[in-house]
Amino acid sequence: MPADGNRYELIDGTLIVSPALGVLHQTVVGRLFVALDAACPRSMHTLVAPFAVRPSNITELQPDVLVGRMEDFTKKLLPVAPVLAVEVISPSSVLKDLNYKKAAYQRLGVPNYWVIDPEDPALTVFELDGAGVYRTTAEVKGSDVFEARRPFPVRIVPTDLLGWLAEEDPDQDTNASGAEF
């Protein structure tokens, strides 16, 4: 794939291209990684994109954050379903993350799928039921607390994932130096 700053993924043989990621998205990903990694048991490993989940030659996904069993990783990829896949949505990715990728993760048997909206801020938690279908098991917003039990105990607060960006005026597109987000 070209080194053009875009993310390239395959879902059932269809190429999905996503634009380069912004400060808000990357802040949430980084802070979520830190929280998950600190709580992660030694039998599991937490990673951020770009890292391939490639269960077949026609499907390669790159969750923003993933947790997998240590024994399942190869040196270059995760060839089986992670135990947790997380996507941080943006206006350009919401359709993909809540439809295509959610359906792909469900087919792969990813037991836990989290979607984070940094604009709102909110966390929606999907878990596979006994029939292998995602059910919404939690929706938390703002400073509400999510006490995850799966895949391991961890406490997540959506506004905490924004760090100092949570203090910014949501209608303002620049910081004090005039840099755009």
N, C-alpha and C. Protein backbone atom coordinates (compact mmCIF):
# COMPACT_ATOMS: atom_id res chain seq x y z
N MET A 1 0.84 -1.18 0.00
CA MET A 1 0.00 0.00 0.00
C MET A 1 0.88 1.25 0.00
N PRO A 2 0.38 2.32 -0.55
CA PRO A 2 1.19 3.55 -0.59
C PRO A 2 1.41 4.13 0.80
N ALA A 3 2.52 4.78 1.01
CA ALA A 3 2.82 5.45 2.27
C ALA A 3 2.30 6.88 2.19
N ASP A 4 0.97 7.01 2.18
CA ASP A 4 0.35 8.32 1.99
C ASP A 4 -0.37 8.85 3.23
N GLY A 5 -0.18 8.19 4.38
CA GLY A 5 -0.81 8.65 5.61
C GLY A 5 -2.20 8.07 5.83
N ASN A 6 -2.76 7.40 4.84
CA ASN A 6 -4.07 6.78 4.99
C ASN A 6 -3.92 5.40 5.61
N ARG A 7 -5.03 4.89 6.19
CA ARG A 7 -5.07 3.54 6.71
C ARG A 7 -5.80 2.67 5.71
N TYR A 8 -5.21 1.50 5.40
CA TYR A 8 -5.80 0.58 4.44
C TYR A 8 -6.19 -0.71 5.15
N GLU A 9 -7.44 -1.12 4.96
CA GLU A 9 -7.94 -2.35 5.55
C GLU A 9 -8.72 -3.13 4.50
N LEU A 10 -8.81 -4.45 4.68
CA LEU A 10 -9.60 -5.30 3.80
C LEU A 10 -10.71 -5.92 4.62
N ILE A 11 -11.94 -5.82 4.14
CA ILE A 11 -13.07 -6.48 4.78
C ILE A 11 -13.71 -7.34 3.71
N ASP A 12 -13.54 -8.65 3.86
CA ASP A 12 -14.07 -9.61 2.89
C ASP A 12 -13.67 -9.26 1.46
N GLY A 13 -12.43 -8.86 1.26
CA GLY A 13 -11.91 -8.57 -0.07
C GLY A 13 -12.16 -7.15 -0.56
N THR A 14 -12.87 -6.34 0.20
CA THR A 14 -13.15 -4.95 -0.18
C THR A 14 -12.15 -4.03 0.52
N LEU A 15 -11.47 -3.20 -0.25
CA LEU A 15 -10.50 -2.27 0.31
C LEU A 15 -11.21 -1.08 0.94
N ILE A 16 -10.87 -0.78 2.18
CA ILE A 16 -11.42 0.35 2.92
C ILE A 16 -10.25 1.30 3.20
N VAL A 17 -10.38 2.55 2.77
CA VAL A 17 -9.33 3.55 2.97
C VAL A 17 -9.87 4.61 3.92
N SER A 18 -9.09 4.92 4.95
CA SER A 18 -9.49 5.93 5.93
C SER A 18 -8.45 7.05 5.90
N PRO A 19 -8.90 8.30 6.10
CA PRO A 19 -7.96 9.43 6.09
C PRO A 19 -7.06 9.44 7.32
N ALA A 20 -6.01 10.25 7.25
CA ALA A 20 -5.11 10.43 8.38
C ALA A 20 -5.90 10.89 9.61
N LEU A 21 -5.40 10.54 10.78
CA LEU A 21 -6.12 10.78 12.02
C LEU A 21 -5.70 12.09 12.67
N GLY A 22 -6.62 12.71 13.43
CA GLY A 22 -6.37 14.00 14.04
C GLY A 22 -5.99 13.91 15.51
N VAL A 23 -5.77 15.06 16.11
CA VAL A 23 -5.33 15.18 17.50
C VAL A 23 -6.34 14.57 18.46
N LEU A 24 -7.62 14.88 18.29
CA LEU A 24 -8.66 14.36 19.19
C LEU A 24 -8.66 12.83 19.16
N HIS A 25 -8.70 12.27 17.98
CA HIS A 25 -8.71 10.81 17.80
C HIS A 25 -7.48 10.18 18.46
N GLN A 26 -6.30 10.70 18.15
CA GLN A 26 -5.06 10.11 18.66
C GLN A 26 -4.92 10.28 20.17
N THR A 27 -5.45 11.37 20.72
CA THR A 27 -5.43 11.56 22.17
C THR A 27 -6.26 10.48 22.85
N VAL A 28 -7.46 10.24 22.34
CA VAL A 28 -8.33 9.21 22.91
C VAL A 28 -7.67 7.84 22.79
N VAL A 29 -7.12 7.52 21.64
CA VAL A 29 -6.46 6.23 21.44
C VAL A 29 -5.30 6.07 22.44
N GLY A 30 -4.48 7.09 22.57
CA GLY A 30 -3.33 7.01 23.48
C GLY A 30 -3.73 6.84 24.92
N ARG A 31 -4.71 7.62 25.35
CA ARG A 31 -5.13 7.54 26.76
C ARG A 31 -5.86 6.23 27.05
N LEU A 32 -6.63 5.72 26.08
CA LEU A 32 -7.29 4.43 26.26
C LEU A 32 -6.25 3.32 26.33
N PHE A 33 -5.24 3.38 25.45
CA PHE A 33 -4.17 2.38 25.49
C PHE A 33 -3.53 2.34 26.88
N VAL A 34 -3.20 3.49 27.42
CA VAL A 34 -2.55 3.55 28.74
C VAL A 34 -3.44 2.89 29.80
N ALA A 35 -4.74 3.20 29.80
CA ALA A 35 -5.66 2.62 30.79
C ALA A 35 -5.77 1.11 30.63
N LEU A 36 -5.94 0.65 29.38
CA LEU A 36 -6.08 -0.79 29.15
C LEU A 36 -4.78 -1.52 29.45
N ASP A 37 -3.67 -0.98 29.02
CA ASP A 37 -2.39 -1.63 29.22
C ASP A 37 -2.06 -1.77 30.71
N ALA A 38 -2.41 -0.77 31.50
CA ALA A 38 -2.14 -0.81 32.94
C ALA A 38 -2.95 -1.90 33.63
N ALA A 39 -4.15 -2.18 33.12
CA ALA A 39 -5.03 -3.17 33.74
C ALA A 39 -4.89 -4.56 33.11
N CYS A 40 -4.23 -4.66 31.98
CA CYS A 40 -4.14 -5.89 31.20
C CYS A 40 -3.36 -6.97 31.94
N PRO A 41 -3.95 -8.18 32.06
CA PRO A 41 -3.18 -9.27 32.69
C PRO A 41 -2.03 -9.72 31.79
N ARG A 42 -1.06 -10.40 32.37
CA ARG A 42 0.14 -10.82 31.63
C ARG A 42 -0.18 -11.82 30.53
N SER A 43 -1.33 -12.46 30.59
CA SER A 43 -1.70 -13.43 29.56
C SER A 43 -2.24 -12.76 28.29
N MET A 44 -2.39 -11.43 28.34
CA MET A 44 -2.91 -10.67 27.21
C MET A 44 -1.96 -9.52 26.87
N HIS A 45 -2.19 -8.92 25.70
CA HIS A 45 -1.34 -7.82 25.24
C HIS A 45 -2.21 -6.76 24.59
N THR A 46 -1.93 -5.50 24.85
CA THR A 46 -2.67 -4.37 24.30
C THR A 46 -1.80 -3.67 23.26
N LEU A 47 -2.39 -3.37 22.09
CA LEU A 47 -1.68 -2.67 21.02
C LEU A 47 -2.57 -1.61 20.39
N VAL A 48 -1.94 -0.66 19.71
CA VAL A 48 -2.67 0.35 18.94
C VAL A 48 -2.37 0.18 17.46
N ALA A 49 -3.24 0.73 16.63
CA ALA A 49 -3.05 0.69 15.18
C ALA A 49 -1.83 1.53 14.83
N PRO A 50 -1.13 1.19 13.77
CA PRO A 50 -1.48 0.13 12.83
C PRO A 50 -0.91 -1.21 13.27
N PHE A 51 -1.78 -2.18 13.47
CA PHE A 51 -1.39 -3.56 13.73
C PHE A 51 -2.48 -4.44 13.15
N ALA A 52 -2.07 -5.41 12.35
CA ALA A 52 -3.02 -6.20 11.57
C ALA A 52 -3.67 -7.34 12.35
N VAL A 53 -4.99 -7.38 12.25
CA VAL A 53 -5.76 -8.56 12.61
C VAL A 53 -6.11 -9.18 11.26
N ARG A 54 -5.43 -10.29 10.94
CA ARG A 54 -5.60 -10.88 9.61
C ARG A 54 -5.98 -12.36 9.74
N PRO A 55 -7.29 -12.63 9.85
CA PRO A 55 -7.73 -14.01 9.99
C PRO A 55 -7.77 -14.78 8.67
N SER A 56 -7.69 -14.06 7.54
CA SER A 56 -7.72 -14.72 6.23
C SER A 56 -7.05 -13.82 5.19
N ASN A 57 -6.90 -14.33 3.99
CA ASN A 57 -6.30 -13.54 2.91
C ASN A 57 -7.21 -12.44 2.40
N ILE A 58 -8.50 -12.48 2.75
CA ILE A 58 -9.42 -11.46 2.26
C ILE A 58 -9.89 -10.50 3.34
N THR A 59 -9.39 -10.69 4.56
CA THR A 59 -9.78 -9.78 5.66
C THR A 59 -8.57 -9.40 6.48
N GLU A 60 -8.33 -8.08 6.56
CA GLU A 60 -7.32 -7.53 7.46
C GLU A 60 -7.90 -6.27 8.07
N LEU A 61 -8.04 -6.27 9.37
CA LEU A 61 -8.58 -5.13 10.10
C LEU A 61 -7.47 -4.55 10.98
N GLN A 62 -7.59 -3.26 11.26
CA GLN A 62 -6.65 -2.58 12.15
C GLN A 62 -7.44 -1.76 13.16
N PRO A 63 -7.90 -2.41 14.23
CA PRO A 63 -8.63 -1.64 15.25
C PRO A 63 -7.74 -0.54 15.81
N ASP A 64 -8.36 0.55 16.24
CA ASP A 64 -7.58 1.64 16.85
C ASP A 64 -6.82 1.13 18.06
N VAL A 65 -7.48 0.30 18.87
CA VAL A 65 -6.86 -0.34 20.02
C VAL A 65 -7.36 -1.78 20.03
N LEU A 66 -6.48 -2.71 20.37
CA LEU A 66 -6.91 -4.10 20.48
C LEU A 66 -6.24 -4.77 21.65
N VAL A 67 -6.91 -5.80 22.16
CA VAL A 67 -6.34 -6.65 23.20
C VAL A 67 -6.47 -8.08 22.69
N GLY A 68 -5.36 -8.80 22.73
CA GLY A 68 -5.36 -10.20 22.31
C GLY A 68 -4.65 -11.06 23.33
N ARG A 69 -4.87 -12.36 23.21
CA ARG A 69 -4.16 -13.31 24.07
C ARG A 69 -2.72 -13.40 23.59
N MET A 70 -1.76 -13.39 24.49
CA MET A 70 -0.34 -13.45 24.14
C MET A 70 -0.04 -14.62 23.20
N GLU A 71 -0.63 -15.76 23.47
CA GLU A 71 -0.34 -16.97 22.69
C GLU A 71 -0.84 -16.88 21.24
N ASP A 72 -1.74 -15.94 20.96
CA ASP A 72 -2.33 -15.83 19.63
C ASP A 72 -1.52 -14.96 18.67
N PHE A 73 -0.63 -14.12 19.18
CA PHE A 73 0.12 -13.19 18.33
C PHE A 73 1.26 -13.90 17.61
N THR A 74 1.49 -13.49 16.36
CA THR A 74 2.74 -13.81 15.70
C THR A 74 3.61 -12.56 15.83
N LYS A 75 4.80 -12.57 15.27
CA LYS A 75 5.66 -11.38 15.36
C LYS A 75 5.12 -10.22 14.55
N LYS A 76 4.27 -10.49 13.55
CA LYS A 76 3.81 -9.43 12.66
C LYS A 76 2.33 -9.15 12.71
N LEU A 77 1.51 -10.07 13.23
CA LEU A 77 0.06 -9.86 13.18
C LEU A 77 -0.66 -10.72 14.18
N LEU A 78 -1.97 -10.53 14.23
CA LEU A 78 -2.86 -11.34 15.05
C LEU A 78 -3.75 -12.11 14.06
N PRO A 79 -3.53 -13.42 13.89
CA PRO A 79 -4.27 -14.18 12.88
C PRO A 79 -5.64 -14.66 13.33
N VAL A 80 -6.03 -14.36 14.55
CA VAL A 80 -7.32 -14.75 15.09
C VAL A 80 -8.00 -13.52 15.69
N ALA A 81 -9.22 -13.69 16.11
CA ALA A 81 -9.98 -12.59 16.70
C ALA A 81 -9.33 -12.11 18.00
N PRO A 82 -9.20 -10.79 18.16
CA PRO A 82 -8.76 -10.27 19.47
C PRO A 82 -9.88 -10.48 20.49
N VAL A 83 -9.58 -10.33 21.78
CA VAL A 83 -10.61 -10.42 22.80
C VAL A 83 -11.34 -9.09 22.96
N LEU A 84 -10.71 -8.01 22.49
CA LEU A 84 -11.32 -6.68 22.50
C LEU A 84 -10.81 -5.90 21.30
N ALA A 85 -11.74 -5.31 20.55
CA ALA A 85 -11.41 -4.37 19.48
C ALA A 85 -12.10 -3.06 19.80
N VAL A 86 -11.38 -1.95 19.64
CA VAL A 86 -11.93 -0.62 19.93
C VAL A 86 -11.74 0.27 18.71
N GLU A 87 -12.78 0.97 18.32
CA GLU A 87 -12.71 1.97 17.26
C GLU A 87 -13.12 3.31 17.83
N VAL A 88 -12.35 4.34 17.52
CA VAL A 88 -12.67 5.72 17.88
C VAL A 88 -13.25 6.36 16.63
N ILE A 89 -14.52 6.72 16.70
CA ILE A 89 -15.20 7.20 15.49
C ILE A 89 -14.91 8.67 15.22
N SER A 90 -15.07 9.01 13.95
CA SER A 90 -14.99 10.39 13.49
C SER A 90 -16.11 10.55 12.48
N PRO A 91 -16.43 11.77 12.08
CA PRO A 91 -17.50 11.94 11.09
C PRO A 91 -17.27 11.12 9.82
N SER A 92 -16.00 10.93 9.43
CA SER A 92 -15.72 10.18 8.21
C SER A 92 -15.71 8.67 8.41
N SER A 93 -15.70 8.20 9.67
CA SER A 93 -15.62 6.76 9.92
C SER A 93 -16.84 6.15 10.57
N VAL A 94 -17.81 6.95 10.97
CA VAL A 94 -18.92 6.43 11.77
C VAL A 94 -19.69 5.32 11.04
N LEU A 95 -19.97 5.48 9.78
CA LEU A 95 -20.69 4.46 9.01
C LEU A 95 -19.87 3.17 8.96
N LYS A 96 -18.59 3.30 8.66
CA LYS A 96 -17.70 2.14 8.57
C LYS A 96 -17.58 1.43 9.92
N ASP A 97 -17.35 2.19 10.99
CA ASP A 97 -17.11 1.58 12.30
C ASP A 97 -18.36 0.95 12.90
N LEU A 98 -19.52 1.55 12.68
CA LEU A 98 -20.75 1.03 13.28
C LEU A 98 -21.48 0.02 12.39
N ASN A 99 -21.02 -0.15 11.16
CA ASN A 99 -21.67 -1.10 10.27
C ASN A 99 -20.68 -2.14 9.77
N TYR A 100 -19.82 -1.77 8.82
CA TYR A 100 -18.91 -2.73 8.21
C TYR A 100 -17.97 -3.40 9.20
N LYS A 101 -17.29 -2.59 9.99
CA LYS A 101 -16.32 -3.17 10.92
C LYS A 101 -17.02 -3.91 12.05
N LYS A 102 -18.12 -3.38 12.54
CA LYS A 102 -18.85 -4.08 13.59
C LYS A 102 -19.30 -5.45 13.09
N ALA A 103 -19.83 -5.51 11.87
CA ALA A 103 -20.26 -6.78 11.29
C ALA A 103 -19.07 -7.72 11.09
N ALA A 104 -17.94 -7.18 10.65
CA ALA A 104 -16.75 -8.02 10.45
C ALA A 104 -16.25 -8.57 11.78
N TYR A 105 -16.20 -7.74 12.81
CA TYR A 105 -15.76 -8.21 14.13
C TYR A 105 -16.72 -9.27 14.67
N GLN A 106 -18.00 -9.08 14.44
CA GLN A 106 -19.00 -10.06 14.89
C GLN A 106 -18.77 -11.40 14.18
N ARG A 107 -18.57 -11.37 12.85
CA ARG A 107 -18.32 -12.61 12.11
C ARG A 107 -17.04 -13.30 12.58
N LEU A 108 -16.03 -12.51 12.94
CA LEU A 108 -14.77 -13.08 13.43
C LEU A 108 -14.90 -13.67 14.83
N GLY A 109 -15.95 -13.28 15.55
CA GLY A 109 -16.13 -13.76 16.91
C GLY A 109 -15.38 -12.96 17.95
N VAL A 110 -15.16 -11.66 17.67
CA VAL A 110 -14.52 -10.78 18.66
C VAL A 110 -15.54 -10.59 19.79
N PRO A 111 -15.26 -11.10 20.99
CA PRO A 111 -16.27 -11.07 22.05
C PRO A 111 -16.65 -9.69 22.56
N ASN A 112 -15.71 -8.73 22.48
CA ASN A 112 -15.95 -7.39 23.01
C ASN A 112 -15.56 -6.35 21.97
N TYR A 113 -16.51 -5.47 21.63
CA TYR A 113 -16.27 -4.40 20.67
C TYR A 113 -16.73 -3.10 21.30
N TRP A 114 -15.80 -2.13 21.42
CA TRP A 114 -16.12 -0.83 21.98
C TRP A 114 -16.01 0.22 20.89
N VAL A 115 -16.94 1.17 20.92
CA VAL A 115 -16.92 2.31 20.00
C VAL A 115 -16.91 3.57 20.85
N ILE A 116 -15.94 4.43 20.59
CA ILE A 116 -15.81 5.68 21.36
C ILE A 116 -16.06 6.85 20.42
N ASP A 117 -16.92 7.75 20.85
CA ASP A 117 -17.18 9.00 20.13
C ASP A 117 -16.49 10.12 20.92
N PRO A 118 -15.38 10.64 20.40
CA PRO A 118 -14.68 11.68 21.15
C PRO A 118 -15.36 13.03 21.09
N GLU A 119 -16.22 13.24 20.12
CA GLU A 119 -16.91 14.53 19.99
C GLU A 119 -17.97 14.69 21.07
N ASP A 120 -18.61 13.59 21.48
CA ASP A 120 -19.74 13.66 22.41
C ASP A 120 -19.34 13.72 23.88
N PRO A 121 -18.34 13.29 24.47
CA PRO A 121 -17.67 12.01 24.44
C PRO A 121 -18.54 10.89 25.03
N ALA A 122 -18.46 9.71 24.40
CA ALA A 122 -19.28 8.57 24.80
C ALA A 122 -18.59 7.27 24.44
N LEU A 123 -18.96 6.22 25.17
CA LEU A 123 -18.47 4.87 24.93
C LEU A 123 -19.67 3.95 24.82
N THR A 124 -19.73 3.18 23.73
CA THR A 124 -20.75 2.15 23.56
C THR A 124 -20.05 0.81 23.55
N VAL A 125 -20.57 -0.12 24.35
CA VAL A 125 -19.96 -1.43 24.52
C VAL A 125 -20.89 -2.48 23.92
N PHE A 126 -20.31 -3.28 23.01
CA PHE A 126 -21.04 -4.41 22.41
C PHE A 126 -20.36 -5.69 22.87
N GLU A 127 -21.18 -6.69 23.23
CA GLU A 127 -20.65 -8.00 23.58
C GLU A 127 -21.42 -9.05 22.82
N LEU A 128 -20.71 -10.11 22.40
CA LEU A 128 -21.38 -11.21 21.71
C LEU A 128 -22.25 -11.96 22.69
N ASP A 129 -23.47 -12.27 22.23
CA ASP A 129 -24.36 -13.08 23.06
C ASP A 129 -24.14 -14.56 22.72
N GLY A 130 -24.94 -15.45 23.28
CA GLY A 130 -24.80 -16.88 23.05
C GLY A 130 -24.99 -17.30 21.61
N ALA A 131 -25.69 -16.47 20.82
CA ALA A 131 -25.92 -16.77 19.40
C ALA A 131 -24.85 -16.14 18.51
N GLY A 132 -23.86 -15.48 19.11
CA GLY A 132 -22.81 -14.86 18.32
C GLY A 132 -23.20 -13.54 17.69
N VAL A 133 -24.17 -12.84 18.33
CA VAL A 133 -24.66 -11.56 17.82
C VAL A 133 -24.33 -10.48 18.85
N TYR A 134 -23.87 -9.31 18.36
CA TYR A 134 -23.55 -8.22 19.27
C TYR A 134 -24.81 -7.65 19.90
N ARG A 135 -24.72 -7.44 21.19
CA ARG A 135 -25.76 -6.76 21.97
C ARG A 135 -25.09 -5.58 22.67
N THR A 136 -25.78 -4.45 22.73
CA THR A 136 -25.26 -3.30 23.47
C THR A 136 -25.41 -3.61 24.94
N THR A 137 -24.29 -3.61 25.67
CA THR A 137 -24.34 -3.93 27.10
C THR A 137 -24.07 -2.72 27.98
N ALA A 138 -23.56 -1.64 27.38
CA ALA A 138 -23.33 -0.41 28.15
C ALA A 138 -23.22 0.76 27.19
N GLU A 139 -23.71 1.90 27.65
CA GLU A 139 -23.54 3.18 26.97
C GLU A 139 -23.27 4.20 28.05
N VAL A 140 -22.08 4.78 28.03
CA VAL A 140 -21.73 5.78 29.03
C VAL A 140 -21.30 7.05 28.34
N LYS A 141 -21.66 8.18 28.94
CA LYS A 141 -21.36 9.48 28.33
C LYS A 141 -20.70 10.39 29.34
N GLY A 142 -19.90 11.31 28.80
CA GLY A 142 -19.30 12.35 29.62
C GLY A 142 -18.48 11.80 30.76
N SER A 143 -18.83 12.20 31.98
CA SER A 143 -18.06 11.78 33.15
C SER A 143 -18.63 10.54 33.82
N ASP A 144 -19.60 9.86 33.16
CA ASP A 144 -20.10 8.60 33.70
C ASP A 144 -18.98 7.57 33.68
N VAL A 145 -19.04 6.62 34.58
CA VAL A 145 -18.00 5.61 34.73
C VAL A 145 -18.46 4.28 34.14
N PHE A 146 -17.59 3.66 33.36
CA PHE A 146 -17.83 2.30 32.87
C PHE A 146 -16.84 1.39 33.59
N GLU A 147 -17.37 0.45 34.35
CA GLU A 147 -16.56 -0.53 35.06
C GLU A 147 -16.58 -1.82 34.25
N ALA A 148 -15.64 -1.96 33.34
CA ALA A 148 -15.59 -3.16 32.49
C ALA A 148 -15.22 -4.38 33.32
N ARG A 149 -15.81 -5.50 32.96
CA ARG A 149 -15.44 -6.78 33.54
C ARG A 149 -14.80 -7.68 32.47
N ARG A 150 -15.14 -7.39 31.21
CA ARG A 150 -14.62 -8.18 30.08
C ARG A 150 -13.83 -7.27 29.16
N PRO A 151 -12.69 -7.62 28.69
CA PRO A 151 -12.03 -8.90 28.91
C PRO A 151 -11.30 -9.00 30.23
N PHE A 152 -11.20 -7.88 30.97
CA PHE A 152 -10.61 -7.85 32.31
C PHE A 152 -11.12 -6.57 32.97
N PRO A 153 -11.07 -6.50 34.30
CA PRO A 153 -11.56 -5.31 34.99
C PRO A 153 -10.73 -4.07 34.64
N VAL A 154 -11.44 -3.01 34.25
CA VAL A 154 -10.81 -1.73 33.98
C VAL A 154 -11.90 -0.65 34.08
N ARG A 155 -11.50 0.52 34.53
CA ARG A 155 -12.44 1.65 34.71
C ARG A 155 -12.19 2.67 33.62
N ILE A 156 -13.24 3.00 32.85
CA ILE A 156 -13.12 3.95 31.75
C ILE A 156 -14.14 5.07 31.94
N VAL A 157 -13.68 6.32 31.82
CA VAL A 157 -14.54 7.50 31.89
C VAL A 157 -14.32 8.26 30.57
N PRO A 158 -15.36 8.38 29.73
CA PRO A 158 -15.17 9.00 28.41
C PRO A 158 -14.46 10.35 28.42
N THR A 159 -14.83 11.27 29.31
CA THR A 159 -14.15 12.58 29.29
C THR A 159 -12.68 12.48 29.69
N ASP A 160 -12.32 11.49 30.52
CA ASP A 160 -10.92 11.31 30.90
C ASP A 160 -10.06 10.95 29.70
N LEU A 161 -10.66 10.32 28.69
CA LEU A 161 -9.92 9.93 27.50
C LEU A 161 -9.51 11.13 26.65
N LEU A 162 -10.14 12.28 26.89
CA LEU A 162 -9.82 13.49 26.13
C LEU A 162 -8.66 14.28 26.73
N GLY A 163 -8.31 13.98 27.97
CA GLY A 163 -7.24 14.74 28.61
C GLY A 163 -7.58 16.22 28.66
N TRP A 164 -6.60 17.07 28.40
CA TRP A 164 -6.81 18.52 28.45
C TRP A 164 -7.77 18.99 27.36
N LEU A 165 -7.98 18.18 26.32
CA LEU A 165 -8.90 18.58 25.25
C LEU A 165 -10.35 18.65 25.75
N ALA A 166 -10.65 17.97 26.85
CA ALA A 166 -12.00 18.03 27.43
C ALA A 166 -12.31 19.43 27.95
N GLU A 167 -11.27 20.21 28.22
CA GLU A 167 -11.44 21.57 28.73
C GLU A 167 -11.63 22.59 27.63
N GLU A 168 -11.34 22.20 26.39
CA GLU A 168 -11.45 23.12 25.26
C GLU A 168 -12.91 23.40 24.93
N ASP A 169 -13.16 24.56 24.36
CA ASP A 169 -14.49 24.93 23.87
C ASP A 169 -14.81 24.03 22.68
N PRO A 170 -15.88 23.21 22.73
CA PRO A 170 -16.17 22.28 21.65
C PRO A 170 -16.46 22.97 20.31
N ASP A 171 -16.83 24.25 20.33
CA ASP A 171 -17.12 24.97 19.09
C ASP A 171 -15.88 25.67 18.53
N GLN A 172 -14.77 25.58 19.25
CA GLN A 172 -13.55 26.25 18.84
C GLN A 172 -12.65 25.27 18.09
N ASP A 173 -12.13 25.66 16.94
CA ASP A 173 -11.30 24.79 16.11
C ASP A 173 -9.81 25.06 16.27
N THR A 174 -9.42 25.95 17.17
CA THR A 174 -8.00 26.25 17.33
C THR A 174 -7.63 26.27 18.80
N ASN A 175 -6.33 26.07 19.07
CA ASN A 175 -5.87 26.21 20.43
C ASN A 175 -5.33 27.64 20.61
N ALA A 176 -4.72 27.92 21.75
CA ALA A 176 -4.25 29.27 22.03
C ALA A 176 -3.22 29.75 21.01
N SER A 177 -2.46 28.86 20.42
CA SER A 177 -1.45 29.28 19.46
C SER A 177 -2.02 29.42 18.05
N GLY A 178 -3.29 29.09 17.87
CA GLY A 178 -3.92 29.20 16.57
C GLY A 178 -3.84 27.93 15.74
N ALA A 179 -3.22 26.86 16.27
CA ALA A 179 -3.13 25.60 15.54
C ALA A 179 -4.50 24.93 15.45
N GLU A 180 -4.82 24.43 14.30
CA GLU A 180 -6.12 23.79 14.11
C GLU A 180 -6.07 22.33 14.54
N PHE A 181 -7.23 21.85 15.04
CA PHE A 181 -7.36 20.44 15.44
C PHE A 181 -8.16 19.71 14.41
